[in-house]
PDB file of all heavy atoms in Angstrom:
ATOM      1  N   VAL A   1       0.866  -1.176   0.000  1.00  0.00           N
ATOM      2  CA  VAL A   1       0.000   0.000   0.000  1.00  0.00           C
ATOM      3  C   VAL A   1       0.909   1.233   0.000  1.00  0.00           C
ATOM      4  O   VAL A   1       1.503   1.566   1.017  1.00  0.00           O
ATOM      5  CB  VAL A   1      -0.943   0.013   1.219  1.00  0.00           C
ATOM      6  CG1 VAL A   1      -1.768   1.298   1.243  1.00  0.00           C
ATOM      7  CG2 VAL A   1      -1.857  -1.202   1.202  1.00  0.00           C
ATOM      8  N   PHE A   2       1.003   1.895  -1.146  1.00  0.00           N
ATOM      9  CA  PHE A   2       1.916   3.041  -1.248  1.00  0.00           C
ATOM     10  C   PHE A   2       1.216   4.356  -0.970  1.00  0.00           C
ATOM     11  O   PHE A   2       1.877   5.386  -0.788  1.00  0.00           O
ATOM     12  CB  PHE A   2       2.577   3.069  -2.633  1.00  0.00           C
ATOM     13  CG  PHE A   2       1.611   3.220  -3.787  1.00  0.00           C
ATOM     14  CD1 PHE A   2       1.214   4.471  -4.228  1.00  0.00           C
ATOM     15  CD2 PHE A   2       1.114   2.098  -4.434  1.00  0.00           C
ATOM     16  CE1 PHE A   2       0.333   4.610  -5.288  1.00  0.00           C
ATOM     17  CE2 PHE A   2       0.235   2.222  -5.501  1.00  0.00           C
ATOM     18  CZ  PHE A   2      -0.167   3.486  -5.936  1.00  0.00           C
ATOM     19  N   HIS A   3      -0.118   4.335  -0.893  1.00  0.00           N
ATOM     20  CA  HIS A   3      -0.848   5.560  -0.554  1.00  0.00           C
ATOM     21  C   HIS A   3      -2.237   5.173  -0.053  1.00  0.00           C
ATOM     22  O   HIS A   3      -2.783   4.143  -0.449  1.00  0.00           O
ATOM     23  CB  HIS A   3      -0.965   6.483  -1.770  1.00  0.00           C
ATOM     24  CG  HIS A   3      -1.443   7.871  -1.430  1.00  0.00           C
ATOM     25  ND1 HIS A   3      -0.642   8.798  -0.804  1.00  0.00           N
ATOM     26  CD2 HIS A   3      -2.653   8.481  -1.589  1.00  0.00           C
ATOM     27  CE1 HIS A   3      -1.321   9.923  -0.626  1.00  0.00           C
ATOM     28  NE2 HIS A   3      -2.540   9.746  -1.085  1.00  0.00           N
ATOM     29  N   ALA A   4      -2.796   5.998   0.820  1.00  0.00           N
ATOM     30  CA  ALA A   4      -4.142   5.769   1.335  1.00  0.00           C
ATOM     31  C   ALA A   4      -4.845   7.105   1.523  1.00  0.00           C
ATOM     32  O   ALA A   4      -4.228   8.109   1.885  1.00  0.00           O
ATOM     33  CB  ALA A   4      -4.091   5.012   2.662  1.00  0.00           C
ATOM     34  N   ILE A   5      -6.141   7.118   1.256  1.00  0.00           N
ATOM     35  CA  ILE A   5      -6.986   8.289   1.475  1.00  0.00           C
ATOM     36  C   ILE A   5      -8.102   7.867   2.421  1.00  0.00           C
ATOM     37  O   ILE A   5      -8.760   6.850   2.194  1.00  0.00           O
ATOM     38  CB  ILE A   5      -7.600   8.793   0.157  1.00  0.00           C
ATOM     39  CG1 ILE A   5      -6.511   9.168  -0.853  1.00  0.00           C
ATOM     40  CG2 ILE A   5      -8.515   9.982   0.401  1.00  0.00           C
ATOM     41  CD1 ILE A   5      -7.042   9.373  -2.250  1.00  0.00           C
ATOM     42  N   SER A   6      -8.321   8.624   3.479  1.00  0.00           N
ATOM     43  CA  SER A   6      -9.347   8.241   4.444  1.00  0.00           C
ATOM     44  C   SER A   6      -9.700   9.434   5.319  1.00  0.00           C
ATOM     45  O   SER A   6      -9.156  10.531   5.169  1.00  0.00           O
ATOM     46  CB  SER A   6      -8.840   7.087   5.323  1.00  0.00           C
ATOM     47  OG  SER A   6      -7.828   7.543   6.191  1.00  0.00           O
ATOM     48  N   ASN A   7     -10.628   9.162   6.266  1.00  0.00           N
ATOM     49  CA  ASN A   7     -10.947  10.182   7.267  1.00  0.00           C
ATOM     50  C   ASN A   7      -9.702  10.626   8.007  1.00  0.00           C
ATOM     51  O   ASN A   7      -9.605  11.776   8.455  1.00  0.00           O
ATOM     52  CB  ASN A   7     -11.941   9.632   8.295  1.00  0.00           C
ATOM     53  CG  ASN A   7     -13.162   9.000   7.679  1.00  0.00           C
ATOM     54  OD1 ASN A   7     -13.072   7.898   7.156  1.00  0.00           O
ATOM     55  ND2 ASN A   7     -14.292   9.674   7.738  1.00  0.00           N
ATOM     56  N   VAL A   8      -8.732   9.723   8.135  1.00  0.00           N
ATOM     57  CA  VAL A   8      -7.539  10.000   8.931  1.00  0.00           C
ATOM     58  C   VAL A   8      -6.704  11.117   8.331  1.00  0.00           C
ATOM     59  O   VAL A   8      -6.300  12.054   9.015  1.00  0.00           O
ATOM     60  CB  VAL A   8      -6.680   8.731   9.074  1.00  0.00           C
ATOM     61  CG1 VAL A   8      -5.419   9.021   9.891  1.00  0.00           C
ATOM     62  CG2 VAL A   8      -7.482   7.615   9.723  1.00  0.00           C
ATOM     63  N   ASN A   9      -6.443  11.035   7.020  1.00  0.00           N
ATOM     64  CA  ASN A   9      -5.506  11.985   6.418  1.00  0.00           C
ATOM     65  C   ASN A   9      -6.115  12.939   5.398  1.00  0.00           C
ATOM     66  O   ASN A   9      -5.440  13.846   4.918  1.00  0.00           O
ATOM     67  CB  ASN A   9      -4.333  11.237   5.755  1.00  0.00           C
ATOM     68  CG  ASN A   9      -4.791  10.285   4.661  1.00  0.00           C
ATOM     69  OD1 ASN A   9      -5.907  10.378   4.146  1.00  0.00           O
ATOM     70  ND2 ASN A   9      -3.931   9.349   4.314  1.00  0.00           N
ATOM     71  N   PHE A  10      -7.392  12.724   5.055  1.00  0.00           N
ATOM     72  CA  PHE A  10      -7.995  13.604   4.040  1.00  0.00           C
ATOM     73  C   PHE A  10      -9.261  14.291   4.520  1.00  0.00           C
ATOM     74  O   PHE A  10      -9.695  15.291   3.949  1.00  0.00           O
ATOM     75  CB  PHE A  10      -8.279  12.808   2.758  1.00  0.00           C
ATOM     76  CG  PHE A  10      -8.556  13.668   1.562  1.00  0.00           C
ATOM     77  CD1 PHE A  10      -7.545  14.401   0.971  1.00  0.00           C
ATOM     78  CD2 PHE A  10      -9.836  13.765   1.044  1.00  0.00           C
ATOM     79  CE1 PHE A  10      -7.792  15.213  -0.124  1.00  0.00           C
ATOM     80  CE2 PHE A  10     -10.108  14.572  -0.061  1.00  0.00           C
ATOM     81  CZ  PHE A  10      -9.078  15.290  -0.655  1.00  0.00           C
ATOM     82  N   GLY A  11      -9.862  13.766   5.555  1.00  0.00           N
ATOM     83  CA  GLY A  11     -11.045  14.412   6.112  1.00  0.00           C
ATOM     84  C   GLY A  11     -12.320  14.098   5.344  1.00  0.00           C
ATOM     85  O   GLY A  11     -12.430  13.065   4.687  1.00  0.00           O
ATOM     86  N   GLU A  12     -13.295  15.005   5.426  1.00  0.00           N
ATOM     87  CA  GLU A  12     -14.623  14.749   4.867  1.00  0.00           C
ATOM     88  C   GLU A  12     -14.851  15.438   3.531  1.00  0.00           C
ATOM     89  O   GLU A  12     -15.917  15.295   2.928  1.00  0.00           O
ATOM     90  CB  GLU A  12     -15.693  15.210   5.864  1.00  0.00           C
ATOM     91  CG  GLU A  12     -15.625  14.471   7.207  1.00  0.00           C
ATOM     92  CD  GLU A  12     -16.715  14.916   8.173  1.00  0.00           C
ATOM     93  OE1 GLU A  12     -17.296  16.012   7.948  1.00  0.00           O
ATOM     94  OE2 GLU A  12     -16.994  14.177   9.131  1.00  0.00           O
ATOM     95  N   LYS A  13     -13.890  16.189   3.043  1.00  0.00           N
ATOM     96  CA  LYS A  13     -14.078  16.985   1.827  1.00  0.00           C
ATOM     97  C   LYS A  13     -13.988  16.133   0.566  1.00  0.00           C
ATOM     98  O   LYS A  13     -13.440  15.040   0.571  1.00  0.00           O
ATOM     99  CB  LYS A  13     -13.014  18.082   1.762  1.00  0.00           C
ATOM    100  CG  LYS A  13     -11.571  17.575   1.770  1.00  0.00           C
ATOM    101  CD  LYS A  13     -10.594  18.737   1.819  1.00  0.00           C
ATOM    102  CE  LYS A  13      -9.145  18.241   1.818  1.00  0.00           C
ATOM    103  NZ  LYS A  13      -8.801  17.481   3.036  1.00  0.00           N
ATOM    104  N   ALA A  14     -14.547  16.680  -0.525  1.00  0.00           N
ATOM    105  CA  ALA A  14     -14.410  16.047  -1.827  1.00  0.00           C
ATOM    106  C   ALA A  14     -13.025  16.353  -2.385  1.00  0.00           C
ATOM    107  O   ALA A  14     -12.367  17.318  -1.959  1.00  0.00           O
ATOM    108  CB  ALA A  14     -15.494  16.553  -2.776  1.00  0.00           C
ATOM    109  N   GLY A  15     -12.577  15.547  -3.327  1.00  0.00           N
ATOM    110  CA  GLY A  15     -11.259  15.791  -3.900  1.00  0.00           C
ATOM    111  C   GLY A  15     -11.115  15.152  -5.263  1.00  0.00           C
ATOM    112  O   GLY A  15     -11.839  14.211  -5.610  1.00  0.00           O
ATOM    113  N   THR A  16     -10.186  15.680  -6.035  1.00  0.00           N
ATOM    114  CA  THR A  16      -9.878  15.116  -7.347  1.00  0.00           C
ATOM    115  C   THR A  16      -8.393  14.797  -7.381  1.00  0.00           C
ATOM    116  O   THR A  16      -7.558  15.660  -7.073  1.00  0.00           O
ATOM    117  CB  THR A  16     -10.234  16.099  -8.474  1.00  0.00           C
ATOM    118  OG1 THR A  16     -11.597  16.497  -8.344  1.00  0.00           O
ATOM    119  CG2 THR A  16     -10.041  15.444  -9.833  1.00  0.00           C
ATOM    120  N   PHE A  17      -8.062  13.565  -7.741  1.00  0.00           N
ATOM    121  CA  PHE A  17      -6.688  13.077  -7.674  1.00  0.00           C
ATOM    122  C   PHE A  17      -6.193  12.703  -9.066  1.00  0.00           C
ATOM    123  O   PHE A  17      -6.972  12.238  -9.913  1.00  0.00           O
ATOM    124  CB  PHE A  17      -6.603  11.852  -6.762  1.00  0.00           C
ATOM    125  CG  PHE A  17      -7.005  12.119  -5.342  1.00  0.00           C
ATOM    126  CD1 PHE A  17      -8.347  12.154  -4.978  1.00  0.00           C
ATOM    127  CD2 PHE A  17      -6.052  12.346  -4.363  1.00  0.00           C
ATOM    128  CE1 PHE A  17      -8.732  12.398  -3.669  1.00  0.00           C
ATOM    129  CE2 PHE A  17      -6.419  12.593  -3.042  1.00  0.00           C
ATOM    130  CZ  PHE A  17      -7.766  12.624  -2.700  1.00  0.00           C
ATOM    131  N   ILE A  18      -4.920  12.907  -9.308  1.00  0.00           N
ATOM    132  CA  ILE A  18      -4.290  12.441 -10.529  1.00  0.00           C
ATOM    133  C   ILE A  18      -3.320  11.323 -10.165  1.00  0.00           C
ATOM    134  O   ILE A  18      -2.417  11.502  -9.348  1.00  0.00           O
ATOM    135  CB  ILE A  18      -3.575  13.583 -11.287  1.00  0.00           C
ATOM    136  CG1 ILE A  18      -2.903  13.023 -12.560  1.00  0.00           C
ATOM    137  CG2 ILE A  18      -2.574  14.324 -10.411  1.00  0.00           C
ATOM    138  CD1 ILE A  18      -2.379  14.098 -13.496  1.00  0.00           C
ATOM    139  N   LEU A  19      -3.572  10.140 -10.715  1.00  0.00           N
ATOM    140  CA  LEU A  19      -2.752   8.969 -10.445  1.00  0.00           C
ATOM    141  C   LEU A  19      -1.732   8.834 -11.563  1.00  0.00           C
ATOM    142  O   LEU A  19      -2.100   8.698 -12.741  1.00  0.00           O
ATOM    143  CB  LEU A  19      -3.617   7.712 -10.380  1.00  0.00           C
ATOM    144  CG  LEU A  19      -4.926   7.792  -9.571  1.00  0.00           C
ATOM    145  CD1 LEU A  19      -5.644   6.458  -9.594  1.00  0.00           C
ATOM    146  CD2 LEU A  19      -4.643   8.236  -8.156  1.00  0.00           C
ATOM    147  N   THR A  20      -0.460   8.874 -11.228  1.00  0.00           N
ATOM    148  CA  THR A  20       0.595   8.833 -12.229  1.00  0.00           C
ATOM    149  C   THR A  20       1.490   7.623 -12.007  1.00  0.00           C
ATOM    150  O   THR A  20       1.713   7.186 -10.879  1.00  0.00           O
ATOM    151  CB  THR A  20       1.442  10.117 -12.187  1.00  0.00           C
ATOM    152  OG1 THR A  20       2.090  10.211 -10.912  1.00  0.00           O
ATOM    153  CG2 THR A  20       0.574  11.346 -12.387  1.00  0.00           C
ATOM    154  N   GLY A  21       2.010   7.094 -13.106  1.00  0.00           N
ATOM    155  CA  GLY A  21       2.929   5.972 -13.023  1.00  0.00           C
ATOM    156  C   GLY A  21       4.303   6.424 -12.583  1.00  0.00           C
ATOM    157  O   GLY A  21       4.608   7.625 -12.570  1.00  0.00           O
ATOM    158  N   PRO A  22       5.191   5.489 -12.239  1.00  0.00           N
ATOM    159  CA  PRO A  22       6.518   5.852 -11.721  1.00  0.00           C
ATOM    160  C   PRO A  22       7.408   6.547 -12.747  1.00  0.00           C
ATOM    161  O   PRO A  22       8.329   7.273 -12.370  1.00  0.00           O
ATOM    162  CB  PRO A  22       7.108   4.500 -11.305  1.00  0.00           C
ATOM    163  CG  PRO A  22       6.339   3.481 -12.080  1.00  0.00           C
ATOM    164  CD  PRO A  22       4.968   4.034 -12.255  1.00  0.00           C
ATOM    165  N   SER A  23       7.152   6.358 -14.039  1.00  0.00           N
ATOM    166  CA  SER A  23       8.009   6.957 -15.068  1.00  0.00           C
ATOM    167  C   SER A  23       7.397   8.183 -15.727  1.00  0.00           C
ATOM    168  O   SER A  23       7.975   8.738 -16.669  1.00  0.00           O
ATOM    169  CB  SER A  23       8.342   5.909 -16.142  1.00  0.00           C
ATOM    170  OG  SER A  23       7.153   5.430 -16.763  1.00  0.00           O
ATOM    171  N   TRP A  24       6.235   8.615 -15.246  1.00  0.00           N
ATOM    172  CA  TRP A  24       5.574   9.769 -15.863  1.00  0.00           C
ATOM    173  C   TRP A  24       6.361  11.039 -15.593  1.00  0.00           C
ATOM    174  O   TRP A  24       6.735  11.318 -14.443  1.00  0.00           O
ATOM    175  CB  TRP A  24       4.147   9.902 -15.328  1.00  0.00           C
ATOM    176  CG  TRP A  24       3.327  10.948 -16.044  1.00  0.00           C
ATOM    177  CD1 TRP A  24       2.911  10.909 -17.336  1.00  0.00           C
ATOM    178  CD2 TRP A  24       2.805  12.156 -15.487  1.00  0.00           C
ATOM    179  NE1 TRP A  24       2.161  12.023 -17.635  1.00  0.00           N
ATOM    180  CE2 TRP A  24       2.084  12.803 -16.513  1.00  0.00           C
ATOM    181  CE3 TRP A  24       2.877  12.753 -14.230  1.00  0.00           C
ATOM    182  CZ2 TRP A  24       1.443  14.021 -16.319  1.00  0.00           C
ATOM    183  CZ3 TRP A  24       2.245  13.958 -14.022  1.00  0.00           C
ATOM    184  CH2 TRP A  24       1.535  14.581 -15.059  1.00  0.00           C
ATOM    185  N   LYS A  25       6.606  11.841 -16.625  1.00  0.00           N
ATOM    186  CA  LYS A  25       7.438  13.039 -16.502  1.00  0.00           C
ATOM    187  C   LYS A  25       6.639  14.334 -16.611  1.00  0.00           C
ATOM    188  O   LYS A  25       7.207  15.420 -16.592  1.00  0.00           O
ATOM    189  CB  LYS A  25       8.514  13.048 -17.606  1.00  0.00           C
ATOM    190  CG  LYS A  25       9.422  11.810 -17.625  1.00  0.00           C
ATOM    191  CD  LYS A  25      10.207  11.667 -16.331  1.00  0.00           C
ATOM    192  CE  LYS A  25      11.151  10.469 -16.403  1.00  0.00           C
ATOM    193  NZ  LYS A  25      11.891  10.269 -15.132  1.00  0.00           N
ATOM    194  N   GLY A  26       5.332  14.227 -16.739  1.00  0.00           N
ATOM    195  CA  GLY A  26       4.518  15.430 -16.901  1.00  0.00           C
ATOM    196  C   GLY A  26       4.385  16.225 -15.616  1.00  0.00           C
ATOM    197  O   GLY A  26       4.885  15.838 -14.555  1.00  0.00           O
ATOM    198  N   GLU A  27       3.699  17.330 -15.698  1.00  0.00           N
ATOM    199  CA  GLU A  27       3.458  18.195 -14.540  1.00  0.00           C
ATOM    200  C   GLU A  27       1.985  18.118 -14.162  1.00  0.00           C
ATOM    201  O   GLU A  27       1.106  18.382 -14.991  1.00  0.00           O
ATOM    202  CB  GLU A  27       3.849  19.636 -14.862  1.00  0.00           C
ATOM    203  CG  GLU A  27       3.757  20.559 -13.650  1.00  0.00           C
ATOM    204  CD  GLU A  27       4.300  21.959 -13.941  1.00  0.00           C
ATOM    205  OE1 GLU A  27       5.008  22.118 -14.953  1.00  0.00           O
ATOM    206  OE2 GLU A  27       4.012  22.876 -13.151  1.00  0.00           O
ATOM    207  N   ALA A  28       1.713  17.762 -12.941  1.00  0.00           N
ATOM    208  CA  ALA A  28       0.334  17.608 -12.483  1.00  0.00           C
ATOM    209  C   ALA A  28      -0.330  18.973 -12.326  1.00  0.00           C
ATOM    210  O   ALA A  28       0.301  19.922 -11.838  1.00  0.00           O
ATOM    211  CB  ALA A  28       0.298  16.862 -11.156  1.00  0.00           C
ATOM    212  N   PRO A  29      -1.584  19.115 -12.759  1.00  0.00           N
ATOM    213  CA  PRO A  29      -2.312  20.372 -12.542  1.00  0.00           C
ATOM    214  C   PRO A  29      -2.336  20.736 -11.061  1.00  0.00           C
ATOM    215  O   PRO A  29      -2.470  19.875 -10.199  1.00  0.00           O
ATOM    216  CB  PRO A  29      -3.721  20.048 -13.057  1.00  0.00           C
ATOM    217  CG  PRO A  29      -3.520  18.934 -14.038  1.00  0.00           C
ATOM    218  CD  PRO A  29      -2.384  18.122 -13.499  1.00  0.00           C
ATOM    219  N   LYS A  30      -2.203  22.012 -10.775  1.00  0.00           N
ATOM    220  CA  LYS A  30      -2.083  22.460  -9.391  1.00  0.00           C
ATOM    221  C   LYS A  30      -3.330  22.207  -8.568  1.00  0.00           C
ATOM    222  O   LYS A  30      -3.261  22.118  -7.339  1.00  0.00           O
ATOM    223  CB  LYS A  30      -1.723  23.947  -9.364  1.00  0.00           C
ATOM    224  CG  LYS A  30      -0.340  24.256  -9.939  1.00  0.00           C
ATOM    225  CD  LYS A  30      -0.024  25.732  -9.842  1.00  0.00           C
ATOM    226  CE  LYS A  30       1.374  26.020 -10.411  1.00  0.00           C
ATOM    227  NZ  LYS A  30       1.718  27.467 -10.343  1.00  0.00           N
ATOM    228  N   ASP A  31      -4.481  22.121  -9.208  1.00  0.00           N
ATOM    229  CA  ASP A  31      -5.724  21.935  -8.456  1.00  0.00           C
ATOM    230  C   ASP A  31      -6.040  20.457  -8.188  1.00  0.00           C
ATOM    231  O   ASP A  31      -7.084  20.133  -7.629  1.00  0.00           O
ATOM    232  CB  ASP A  31      -6.896  22.578  -9.198  1.00  0.00           C
ATOM    233  CG  ASP A  31      -7.057  22.021 -10.612  1.00  0.00           C
ATOM    234  OD1 ASP A  31      -6.051  21.553 -11.175  1.00  0.00           O
ATOM    235  OD2 ASP A  31      -8.181  22.072 -11.147  1.00  0.00           O
ATOM    236  N   LEU A  32      -5.126  19.563  -8.580  1.00  0.00           N
ATOM    237  CA  LEU A  32      -5.338  18.136  -8.356  1.00  0.00           C
ATOM    238  C   LEU A  32      -4.324  17.594  -7.346  1.00  0.00           C
ATOM    239  O   LEU A  32      -3.195  18.067  -7.278  1.00  0.00           O
ATOM    240  CB  LEU A  32      -5.199  17.351  -9.666  1.00  0.00           C
ATOM    241  CG  LEU A  32      -6.133  17.738 -10.811  1.00  0.00           C
ATOM    242  CD1 LEU A  32      -5.889  16.832 -12.013  1.00  0.00           C
ATOM    243  CD2 LEU A  32      -7.591  17.663 -10.387  1.00  0.00           C
ATOM    244  N   HIS A  33      -4.747  16.604  -6.578  1.00  0.00           N
ATOM    245  CA  HIS A  33      -3.856  15.944  -5.641  1.00  0.00           C
ATOM    246  C   HIS A  33      -3.135  14.808  -6.376  1.00  0.00           C
ATOM    247  O   HIS A  33      -3.792  13.906  -6.900  1.00  0.00           O
ATOM    248  CB  HIS A  33      -4.647  15.370  -4.458  1.00  0.00           C
ATOM    249  CG  HIS A  33      -5.473  16.382  -3.730  1.00  0.00           C
ATOM    250  ND1 HIS A  33      -4.959  17.200  -2.751  1.00  0.00           N
ATOM    251  CD2 HIS A  33      -6.793  16.702  -3.845  1.00  0.00           C
ATOM    252  CE1 HIS A  33      -5.920  17.975  -2.276  1.00  0.00           C
ATOM    253  NE2 HIS A  33      -7.043  17.698  -2.930  1.00  0.00           N
ATOM    254  N   GLN A  34      -1.814  14.852  -6.412  1.00  0.00           N
ATOM    255  CA  GLN A  34      -1.085  13.830  -7.148  1.00  0.00           C
ATOM    256  C   GLN A  34      -0.783  12.618  -6.269  1.00  0.00           C
ATOM    257  O   GLN A  34      -0.357  12.744  -5.130  1.00  0.00           O
ATOM    258  CB  GLN A  34       0.228  14.373  -7.707  1.00  0.00           C
ATOM    259  CG  GLN A  34       0.985  13.357  -8.571  1.00  0.00           C
ATOM    260  CD  GLN A  34       2.239  13.930  -9.206  1.00  0.00           C
ATOM    261  OE1 GLN A  34       2.630  15.053  -8.911  1.00  0.00           O
ATOM    262  NE2 GLN A  34       2.867  13.172 -10.096  1.00  0.00           N
TER     263      GLN A  34
END
């Protein structure tokens, strides 16, 4: 388990995440959680 999202670390808010592979070289949009 390399990452987890839950009440513990993210709270009750909505969110949008960008999931990237280990070799991805792009730049994640600032309004997204990488």
